Protein backbone atom coordinates (compact mmCIF):
# COMPACT_ATOMS: atom_id res chain seq x y z
CA UNK A 1 5.88 -7.83 -2.53
CA UNK A 2 6.08 -5.49 -5.52
CA UNK A 3 3.84 -5.81 -8.52
CA UNK A 4 3.29 -3.79 -11.63
CA UNK A 5 0.21 -1.64 -12.00
CA UNK A 6 -0.37 1.04 -14.59
CA UNK A 7 3.27 0.75 -15.62
CA UNK A 8 4.75 1.66 -12.21
CA UNK A 9 5.70 -0.28 -9.10
CA UNK A 10 3.08 -0.70 -6.40
CA UNK A 11 2.92 -2.75 -3.22
CA UNK A 12 0.85 -3.72 -0.18
CA UNK A 13 1.75 -2.26 3.22
CA UNK A 14 0.51 -5.50 4.81
CA UNK A 15 3.18 -7.43 2.87
CA UNK A 16 5.84 -4.93 3.96
CA UNK A 17 4.81 -5.26 7.62
CA UNK A 18 4.92 -9.05 7.42
CA UNK A 19 8.28 -8.94 5.67
CA UNK A 20 9.75 -6.66 8.35
CA UNK A 21 8.44 -8.71 11.27
CA UNK A 22 9.22 -12.02 9.56
CA UNK A 23 5.80 -13.44 10.37
CA UNK A 24 2.16 -13.02 9.37
CA UNK A 25 0.19 -10.32 11.16
CA UNK A 26 -1.98 -11.68 13.93
CA UNK A 27 -5.73 -11.81 13.55
CA UNK A 28 -6.00 -9.40 16.49
CA UNK A 29 -3.89 -6.75 14.72
CA UNK A 30 -5.79 -7.21 11.46
CA UNK A 31 -9.12 -6.89 13.25
CA UNK A 32 -8.10 -3.96 15.46
CA UNK A 33 -6.90 -1.88 12.52
CA UNK A 34 -9.29 -3.32 9.90
CA UNK A 35 -6.36 -4.48 7.78
CA UNK A 36 -6.83 -6.49 4.65
CA UNK A 37 -4.35 -6.94 1.88
CA UNK A 38 -6.56 -4.90 -0.44
CA UNK A 39 -6.95 -2.05 2.05
CA UNK A 40 -3.17 -1.67 2.31
CA UNK A 41 -2.53 -1.28 -1.42
CA UNK A 42 -0.18 1.58 -2.30
CA UNK A 43 0.50 2.75 -5.81
CA UNK A 44 3.68 4.75 -6.18
CA UNK A 45 3.26 8.03 -7.96
CA UNK A 46 5.93 9.18 -10.37
CA UNK A 47 4.00 12.26 -11.51
CA UNK A 48 2.35 13.44 -8.30
CA UNK A 49 2.99 17.09 -9.07
CA UNK A 50 0.74 16.74 -12.13
CA UNK A 51 -2.05 15.22 -10.05
CA UNK A 52 -1.83 17.93 -7.41
CA UNK A 53 -1.79 20.67 -10.02
CA UNK A 54 -5.18 19.39 -11.25
CA UNK A 55 -6.78 19.72 -7.81
CA UNK A 56 -8.99 22.77 -7.22
CA UNK A 57 -7.50 25.28 -4.82
């Protein structure tokens, strides 16, 4: 479920959902919410305060 990307842990929400339910998501759920493994990618941010400080206010 976890993989390494850019030196930090990242994961796919779709994998988490399937792990919690203990079964693959149904085609109906995937279609209804337009879920693909790639669209549920989450990269954890260890330095988010730096990113937000770079945003224009």
